[in-house]
Structures are given as C-alpha cells and as structure tokens.
Amino acid sequence: MKRILTALLLLACAPLSAAEWLLLKDTVSPDKKLGLAVPPSAGEGRDMDAPVFLIDVPAGRKIGPLEEVTSDGGGWGRTTDNVTCHWSPDSRVLVVNCRVGRLMHGFQIYRIKGRRAVPVGVPAETPLPKARVRDLLKKRTNGGSWANLLPDGRIETGVCGFDWKHGVAKEDFIRLGFDPGVFVDSNVQLVYLWRFGKDGALVLDDFKAREPR
C-alpha cells in the first residue's frame, strides 16, 4: 500500500507535457510563481469540459484545476481565447474571466494562499439603496458578467443584458438617483465596486449603471 501511495504521489507531482496544457499568455502572476493553463483546443464546438489549471510556473507543473471556471466556452471559441485574468500587484488576488456561451461570460475571484486559490463569493445582498435598481429590470436570455481589478485595490464587477420591467415607471428610477434614459438600452451594464473587509469578505463600496465599454 505504501508503494502504491508513493507512486500516486509522484504521478500527481509530475510535470505535464506540452501536449496536455498550454500556459496562457498574460496570466503569470507579478511574482512569477503562478499562472493559468488550459488544454490545447480541439476546435470550436469540440472543447468539452475543458478545465483551467493553476500552474506552478518555476516548476512547470500543474497545481490543480480551478473548479469554478472552465475554458470550453460553452461550446464556443477556443480554450486559449476563452480565459483572461487580472492579478493584484502583490499576487494575492486573482480575478478570472471566462466565456460561458456564445455571447455570455462569467467570472470568479480568488484569494491566493500559498499555492492555493481560494474562491471568494460575491455577496447576494447589496445594501446600497441605489443597487435596488436591479429590481426594476428583468434579465434577458443573453446576458453575462465580468470582473476587473482597479488600481486602488477594489474589484469592479459588472452584469449586462437587462430590459425595463413592464409596469415600472420612470419615477421609480429617479427615486433611486438614476436617469431613466440610461435603461432604455438593454445593453446597459450594472457595475458594482467592491473592497475587501477586515474579515476578507467583499463589501460593496459603490454601484452605478453605464453603457457598455
């Protein structure tokens, strides 16, 4: 049994060949220790269940898959094009954006602890009153979300793909401090600005609506 466990451990730590993964461009952390890799693309529509690996860059080994994200694009695009990321200057925060459909994207935020990427959840409750404007909108079929790291250390997340709910009056938007005209365009983005609290959880700092970038 001891020999079997030793063999499995050595197999798990063995470097992957170039045929098994590709280190993605512009995904290496500022301290050059970690990066992201994906399986080589089999072609659009043929990349099923394609993971995103966290890579030990100096050793050239995979640490493990980031289970919250994927590079298969929901059957669209190529693995090498479906994933981008942002690192904090101290390499302790990682934001991964990935394609999840033809017109849809998603994201995941991680705190880096040693060689582990720990998922950070975005709170469902948004206590800023003006964030309640989302209750005046209905989600469209083709929507999506994204995240970005700002120079001041905050995390910016956005969601798009909304329509004005039937029966909602212009005055309802005005009461929350918004120009109703912004929401005539269904491509409007709802943007949340987060900071890390003392307990490491995200705290909503600001909220706004804007046209797509």
Foldseek 3Di string as FASTA:
>chain_A
DVVVVVVVVCVQFDADDPQAWDFAPPAQALVRQWGKIWHFWPDQQPDPQIFIFIAGRVVNHTPGTPVVDHQNLCRGDTSNPFKDWDADNVRQKIKIKGHNYDQEIEIWIFGDDPSDTHTADDDPDAPQQLVCVVVQKDADPRKYKGWDADPVGKIKIKIAGIAGDPPDDQVVNVVSPDRVVLRNDRGKIKMWIWHQDPVRHTHTDDIDIDHDD
